[in-house]
Amino acid sequence: MRVITLQEAADRASITLRTLQREFSLGRGPATLVLSTRRRGILEADFEAWLLSRRRAAPGESAKVA
């Protein structure tokens, strides 16, 4: 079980940290872990599941994700 930082998650999703924080504030971000009073992390598996949940089919592609 690997924990990634919010910055690492943002980098891997090719978005800014601010955009990721906005997703959290809108209730659309991945589940987080409270590591301390000023630090949060994300389980790598939770991040990958969140990223896959945002996938949309390309035109002409089946809507099902393999």
PDB file of N, CA and C in Angstrom:
ATOM      1  N   MET A   1       0.858  -1.171   0.000  1.00  0.00           N
ATOM      2  CA  MET A   1       0.000   0.000   0.000  1.00  0.00           C
ATOM      3  C   MET A   1       0.904   1.234   0.000  1.00  0.00           C
ATOM      4  N   ARG A   2       0.862   1.983  -1.093  1.00  0.00           N
ATOM      5  CA  ARG A   2       1.715   3.158  -1.249  1.00  0.00           C
ATOM      6  C   ARG A   2       0.862   4.419  -1.132  1.00  0.00           C
ATOM      7  N   VAL A   3       1.376   5.402  -0.419  1.00  0.00           N
ATOM      8  CA  VAL A   3       0.709   6.699  -0.270  1.00  0.00           C
ATOM      9  C   VAL A   3       1.465   7.709  -1.121  1.00  0.00           C
ATOM     10  N   ILE A   4       0.715   8.475  -1.926  1.00  0.00           N
ATOM     11  CA  ILE A   4       1.341   9.514  -2.741  1.00  0.00           C
ATOM     12  C   ILE A   4       0.913  10.883  -2.225  1.00  0.00           C
ATOM     13  N   THR A   5       1.751  11.867  -2.465  1.00  0.00           N
ATOM     14  CA  THR A   5       1.438  13.228  -2.036  1.00  0.00           C
ATOM     15  C   THR A   5       0.422  13.840  -2.994  1.00  0.00           C
ATOM     16  N   LEU A   6      -0.200  14.917  -2.558  1.00  0.00           N
ATOM     17  CA  LEU A   6      -1.138  15.619  -3.425  1.00  0.00           C
ATOM     18  C   LEU A   6      -0.416  16.172  -4.644  1.00  0.00           C
ATOM     19  N   GLN A   7       0.798  16.665  -4.462  1.00  0.00           N
ATOM     20  CA  GLN A   7       1.571  17.177  -5.594  1.00  0.00           C
ATOM     21  C   GLN A   7       1.878  16.067  -6.588  1.00  0.00           C
ATOM     22  N   GLU A   8       2.257  14.900  -6.092  1.00  0.00           N
ATOM     23  CA  GLU A   8       2.539  13.775  -6.979  1.00  0.00           C
ATOM     24  C   GLU A   8       1.279  13.365  -7.734  1.00  0.00           C
ATOM     25  N   ALA A   9       0.143  13.356  -7.052  1.00  0.00           N
ATOM     26  CA  ALA A   9      -1.122  13.018  -7.711  1.00  0.00           C
ATOM     27  C   ALA A   9      -1.437  14.027  -8.814  1.00  0.00           C
ATOM     28  N   ALA A  10      -1.272  15.298  -8.519  1.00  0.00           N
ATOM     29  CA  ALA A  10      -1.531  16.337  -9.519  1.00  0.00           C
ATOM     30  C   ALA A  10      -0.599  16.165 -10.716  1.00  0.00           C
ATOM     31  N   ASP A  11       0.665  15.916 -10.458  1.00  0.00           N
ATOM     32  CA  ASP A  11       1.639  15.715 -11.533  1.00  0.00           C
ATOM     33  C   ASP A  11       1.249  14.518 -12.399  1.00  0.00           C
ATOM     34  N   ARG A  12       0.872  13.430 -11.763  1.00  0.00           N
ATOM     35  CA  ARG A  12       0.510  12.216 -12.503  1.00  0.00           C
ATOM     36  C   ARG A  12      -0.763  12.396 -13.309  1.00  0.00           C
ATOM     37  N   ALA A  13      -1.661  13.266 -12.855  1.00  0.00           N
ATOM     38  CA  ALA A  13      -2.904  13.532 -13.579  1.00  0.00           C
ATOM     39  C   ALA A  13      -2.731  14.656 -14.599  1.00  0.00           C
ATOM     40  N   SER A  14      -1.545  15.239 -14.654  1.00  0.00           N
ATOM     41  CA  SER A  14      -1.240  16.361 -15.552  1.00  0.00           C
ATOM     42  C   SER A  14      -2.151  17.560 -15.307  1.00  0.00           C
ATOM     43  N   ILE A  15      -2.376  17.846 -14.027  1.00  0.00           N
ATOM     44  CA  ILE A  15      -3.147  19.022 -13.621  1.00  0.00           C
ATOM     45  C   ILE A  15      -2.343  19.760 -12.555  1.00  0.00           C
ATOM     46  N   THR A  16      -2.743  20.983 -12.260  1.00  0.00           N
ATOM     47  CA  THR A  16      -2.047  21.722 -11.207  1.00  0.00           C
ATOM     48  C   THR A  16      -2.554  21.260  -9.845  1.00  0.00           C
ATOM     49  N   LEU A  17      -1.753  21.533  -8.822  1.00  0.00           N
ATOM     50  CA  LEU A  17      -2.169  21.224  -7.461  1.00  0.00           C
ATOM     51  C   LEU A  17      -3.447  21.983  -7.126  1.00  0.00           C
ATOM     52  N   ARG A  18      -3.552  23.217  -7.575  1.00  0.00           N
ATOM     53  CA  ARG A  18      -4.744  24.029  -7.315  1.00  0.00           C
ATOM     54  C   ARG A  18      -5.994  23.385  -7.929  1.00  0.00           C
ATOM     55  N   THR A  19      -5.879  22.827  -9.124  1.00  0.00           N
ATOM     56  CA  THR A  19      -7.018  22.152  -9.754  1.00  0.00           C
ATOM     57  C   THR A  19      -7.422  20.931  -8.941  1.00  0.00           C
ATOM     58  N   LEU A  20      -6.449  20.173  -8.461  1.00  0.00           N
ATOM     59  CA  LEU A  20      -6.752  19.014  -7.627  1.00  0.00           C
ATOM     60  C   LEU A  20      -7.439  19.457  -6.336  1.00  0.00           C
ATOM     61  N   GLN A  21      -6.939  20.524  -5.728  1.00  0.00           N
ATOM     62  CA  GLN A  21      -7.564  21.036  -4.504  1.00  0.00           C
ATOM     63  C   GLN A  21      -8.999  21.496  -4.775  1.00  0.00           C
ATOM     64  N   ARG A  22      -9.245  22.080  -5.948  1.00  0.00           N
ATOM     65  CA  ARG A  22     -10.596  22.484  -6.321  1.00  0.00           C
ATOM     66  C   ARG A  22     -11.505  21.254  -6.432  1.00  0.00           C
ATOM     67  N   GLU A  23     -10.985  20.174  -6.997  1.00  0.00           N
ATOM     68  CA  GLU A  23     -11.766  18.928  -7.089  1.00  0.00           C
ATOM     69  C   GLU A  23     -12.164  18.443  -5.698  1.00  0.00           C
ATOM     70  N   PHE A  24     -11.240  18.547  -4.745  1.00  0.00           N
ATOM     71  CA  PHE A  24     -11.561  18.159  -3.367  1.00  0.00           C
ATOM     72  C   PHE A  24     -12.670  19.044  -2.806  1.00  0.00           C
ATOM     73  N   SER A  25     -12.549  20.341  -3.013  1.00  0.00           N
ATOM     74  CA  SER A  25     -13.539  21.264  -2.444  1.00  0.00           C
ATOM     75  C   SER A  25     -14.913  21.068  -3.056  1.00  0.00           C
ATOM     76  N   LEU A  26     -14.966  20.564  -4.280  1.00  0.00           N
ATOM     77  CA  LEU A  26     -16.248  20.288  -4.938  1.00  0.00           C
ATOM     78  C   LEU A  26     -16.744  18.869  -4.664  1.00  0.00           C
ATOM     79  N   GLY A  27     -15.988  18.112  -3.885  1.00  0.00           N
ATOM     80  CA  GLY A  27     -16.383  16.741  -3.548  1.00  0.00           C
ATOM     81  C   GLY A  27     -16.152  15.758  -4.672  1.00  0.00           C
ATOM     82  N   ARG A  28     -15.255  16.079  -5.607  1.00  0.00           N
ATOM     83  CA  ARG A  28     -15.027  15.222  -6.767  1.00  0.00           C
ATOM     84  C   ARG A  28     -13.636  14.613  -6.801  1.00  0.00           C
ATOM     85  N   GLY A  29     -12.831  14.843  -5.790  1.00  0.00           N
ATOM     86  CA  GLY A  29     -11.466  14.324  -5.777  1.00  0.00           C
ATOM     87  C   GLY A  29     -11.399  12.915  -5.220  1.00  0.00           C
ATOM     88  N   PRO A  30     -10.225  12.295  -5.291  1.00  0.00           N
ATOM     89  CA  PRO A  30     -10.056  10.961  -4.711  1.00  0.00           C
ATOM     90  C   PRO A  30     -10.072  11.024  -3.182  1.00  0.00           C
ATOM     91  N   ALA A  31     -10.333   9.897  -2.568  1.00  0.00           N
ATOM     92  CA  ALA A  31     -10.302   9.805  -1.107  1.00  0.00           C
ATOM     93  C   ALA A  31      -8.895  10.116  -0.611  1.00  0.00           C
ATOM     94  N   THR A  32      -8.802  10.793   0.517  1.00  0.00           N
ATOM     95  CA  THR A  32      -7.494  11.165   1.060  1.00  0.00           C
ATOM     96  C   THR A  32      -7.291  10.572   2.444  1.00  0.00           C
ATOM     97  N   LEU A  33      -6.040  10.557   2.856  1.00  0.00           N
ATOM     98  CA  LEU A  33      -5.652  10.151   4.198  1.00  0.00           C
ATOM     99  C   LEU A  33      -5.153  11.390   4.935  1.00  0.00           C
ATOM    100  N   VAL A  34      -5.520  11.537   6.184  1.00  0.00           N
ATOM    101  CA  VAL A  34      -5.000  12.633   7.000  1.00  0.00           C
ATOM    102  C   VAL A  34      -3.722  12.115   7.648  1.00  0.00           C
ATOM    103  N   LEU A  35      -2.592  12.645   7.200  1.00  0.00           N
ATOM    104  CA  LEU A  35      -1.299  12.193   7.701  1.00  0.00           C
ATOM    105  C   LEU A  35      -0.860  12.987   8.921  1.00  0.00           C
ATOM    106  N   SER A  36      -1.271  14.237   8.983  1.00  0.00           N
ATOM    107  CA  SER A  36      -1.014  15.093  10.137  1.00  0.00           C
ATOM    108  C   SER A  36      -2.004  16.253  10.044  1.00  0.00           C
ATOM    109  N   THR A  37      -1.901  17.205  10.952  1.00  0.00           N
ATOM    110  CA  THR A  37      -2.837  18.326  10.923  1.00  0.00           C
ATOM    111  C   THR A  37      -2.688  19.182   9.676  1.00  0.00           C
ATOM    112  N   ARG A  38      -1.519  19.126   9.029  1.00  0.00           N
ATOM    113  CA  ARG A  38      -1.291  19.966   7.849  1.00  0.00           C
ATOM    114  C   ARG A  38      -0.927  19.187   6.596  1.00  0.00           C
ATOM    115  N   ARG A  39      -1.090  17.868   6.627  1.00  0.00           N
ATOM    116  CA  ARG A  39      -0.642  17.068   5.487  1.00  0.00           C
ATOM    117  C   ARG A  39      -1.633  15.952   5.181  1.00  0.00           C
ATOM    118  N   ARG A  40      -1.958  15.814   3.886  1.00  0.00           N
ATOM    119  CA  ARG A  40      -2.819  14.741   3.414  1.00  0.00           C
ATOM    120  C   ARG A  40      -2.085  13.940   2.353  1.00  0.00           C
ATOM    121  N   GLY A  41      -2.504  12.715   2.184  1.00  0.00           N
ATOM    122  CA  GLY A  41      -1.959  11.856   1.136  1.00  0.00           C
ATOM    123  C   GLY A  41      -3.099  11.075   0.507  1.00  0.00           C
ATOM    124  N   ILE A  42      -2.782  10.354  -0.551  1.00  0.00           N
ATOM    125  CA  ILE A  42      -3.774   9.558  -1.269  1.00  0.00           C
ATOM    126  C   ILE A  42      -3.199   8.166  -1.462  1.00  0.00           C
ATOM    127  N   LEU A  43      -3.980   7.144  -1.161  1.00  0.00           N
ATOM    128  CA  LEU A  43      -3.543   5.789  -1.472  1.00  0.00           C
ATOM    129  C   LEU A  43      -3.442   5.683  -2.991  1.00  0.00           C
ATOM    130  N   GLU A  44      -2.362   5.108  -3.462  1.00  0.00           N
ATOM    131  CA  GLU A  44      -2.146   5.011  -4.901  1.00  0.00           C
ATOM    132  C   GLU A  44      -3.314   4.310  -5.592  1.00  0.00           C
ATOM    133  N   ALA A  45      -3.847   3.266  -4.981  1.00  0.00           N
ATOM    134  CA  ALA A  45      -4.984   2.548  -5.569  1.00  0.00           C
ATOM    135  C   ALA A  45      -6.220   3.443  -5.659  1.00  0.00           C
ATOM    136  N   ASP A  46      -6.464   4.274  -4.645  1.00  0.00           N
ATOM    137  CA  ASP A  46      -7.592   5.208  -4.684  1.00  0.00           C
ATOM    138  C   ASP A  46      -7.410   6.240  -5.780  1.00  0.00           C
ATOM    139  N   PHE A  47      -6.180   6.727  -5.945  1.00  0.00           N
ATOM    140  CA  PHE A  47      -5.897   7.703  -6.995  1.00  0.00           C
ATOM    141  C   PHE A  47      -6.150   7.096  -8.373  1.00  0.00           C
ATOM    142  N   GLU A  48      -5.642   5.883  -8.597  1.00  0.00           N
ATOM    143  CA  GLU A  48      -5.820   5.239  -9.894  1.00  0.00           C
ATOM    144  C   GLU A  48      -7.291   4.967 -10.189  1.00  0.00           C
ATOM    145  N   ALA A  49      -8.059   4.557  -9.169  1.00  0.00           N
ATOM    146  CA  ALA A  49      -9.492   4.331  -9.354  1.00  0.00           C
ATOM    147  C   ALA A  49     -10.202   5.632  -9.699  1.00  0.00           C
ATOM    148  N   TRP A  50      -9.835   6.727  -9.030  1.00  0.00           N
ATOM    149  CA  TRP A  50     -10.434   8.035  -9.317  1.00  0.00           C
ATOM    150  C   TRP A  50     -10.102   8.476 -10.738  1.00  0.00           C
ATOM    151  N   LEU A  51      -8.860   8.289 -11.127  1.00  0.00           N
ATOM    152  CA  LEU A  51      -8.437   8.692 -12.464  1.00  0.00           C
ATOM    153  C   LEU A  51      -9.209   7.898 -13.528  1.00  0.00           C
ATOM    154  N   LEU A  52      -9.341   6.595 -13.335  1.00  0.00           N
ATOM    155  CA  LEU A  52     -10.092   5.767 -14.289  1.00  0.00           C
ATOM    156  C   LEU A  52     -11.580   6.132 -14.312  1.00  0.00           C
ATOM    157  N   SER A  53     -12.120   6.565 -13.179  1.00  0.00           N
ATOM    158  CA  SER A  53     -13.539   6.937 -13.131  1.00  0.00           C
ATOM    159  C   SER A  53     -13.819   8.183 -13.959  1.00  0.00           C
ATOM    160  N   ARG A  54     -12.805   8.945 -14.263  1.00  0.00           N
ATOM    161  CA  ARG A  54     -12.957  10.180 -15.044  1.00  0.00           C
ATOM    162  C   ARG A  54     -12.829   9.926 -16.544  1.00  0.00           C
ATOM    163  N   ARG A  55     -12.548   8.682 -16.923  1.00  0.00           N
ATOM    164  CA  ARG A  55     -12.368   8.333 -18.332  1.00  0.00           C
ATOM    165  C   ARG A  55     -13.701   8.400 -19.068  1.00  0.00           C
ATOM    166  N   ARG A  56     -13.681   8.983 -20.243  1.00  0.00           N
ATOM    167  CA  ARG A  56     -14.852   9.051 -21.099  1.00  0.00           C
ATOM    168  C   ARG A  56     -14.490   8.405 -22.428  1.00  0.00           C
ATOM    169  N   ALA A  57     -15.447   7.703 -23.032  1.00  0.00           N
ATOM    170  CA  ALA A  57     -15.220   7.034 -24.300  1.00  0.00           C
ATOM    171  C   ALA A  57     -15.001   8.058 -25.409  1.00  0.00           C
ATOM    172  N   ALA A  58     -14.074   7.744 -26.293  1.00  0.00           N
ATOM    173  CA  ALA A  58     -13.836   8.576 -27.465  1.00  0.00           C
ATOM    174  C   ALA A  58     -14.966   8.339 -28.459  1.00  0.00           C
ATOM    175  N   PRO A  59     -15.216   9.283 -29.330  1.00  0.00           N
ATOM    176  CA  PRO A  59     -16.259   9.081 -30.344  1.00  0.00           C
ATOM    177  C   PRO A  59     -16.005   7.793 -31.124  1.00  0.00           C
ATOM    178  N   GLY A  60     -17.018   6.970 -31.224  1.00  0.00           N
ATOM    179  CA  GLY A  60     -16.895   5.698 -31.942  1.00  0.00           C
ATOM    180  C   GLY A  60     -16.377   4.565 -31.086  1.00  0.00           C
ATOM    181  N   GLU A  61     -15.976   4.852 -29.854  1.00  0.00           N
ATOM    182  CA  GLU A  61     -15.454   3.833 -28.953  1.00  0.00           C
ATOM    183  C   GLU A  61     -16.580   3.334 -28.063  1.00  0.00           C
ATOM    184  N   SER A  62     -16.553   2.059 -27.739  1.00  0.00           N
ATOM    185  CA  SER A  62     -17.536   1.508 -26.824  1.00  0.00           C
ATOM    186  C   SER A  62     -17.450   2.223 -25.481  1.00  0.00           C
ATOM    187  N   ALA A  63     -18.581   2.425 -24.822  1.00  0.00           N
ATOM    188  CA  ALA A  63     -18.610   3.131 -23.541  1.00  0.00           C
ATOM    189  C   ALA A  63     -18.019   2.294 -22.420  1.00  0.00           C
ATOM    190  N   LYS A  64     -17.878   0.980 -22.600  1.00  0.00           N
ATOM    191  CA  LYS A  64     -17.341   0.128 -21.552  1.00  0.00           C
ATOM    192  C   LYS A  64     -15.839   0.252 -21.466  1.00  0.00           C
ATOM    193  N   VAL A  65     -15.334   0.276 -20.232  1.00  0.00           N
ATOM    194  CA  VAL A  65     -13.890   0.318 -19.992  1.00  0.00           C
ATOM    195  C   VAL A  65     -13.429  -1.087 -19.680  1.00  0.00           C
ATOM    196  N   ALA A  66     -12.410  -1.545 -20.359  1.00  0.00           N
ATOM    197  CA  ALA A  66     -11.916  -2.918 -20.155  1.00  0.00           C
ATOM    198  C   ALA A  66     -11.208  -3.051 -18.853  1.00  0.00           C
TER     199      ALA A  66
END
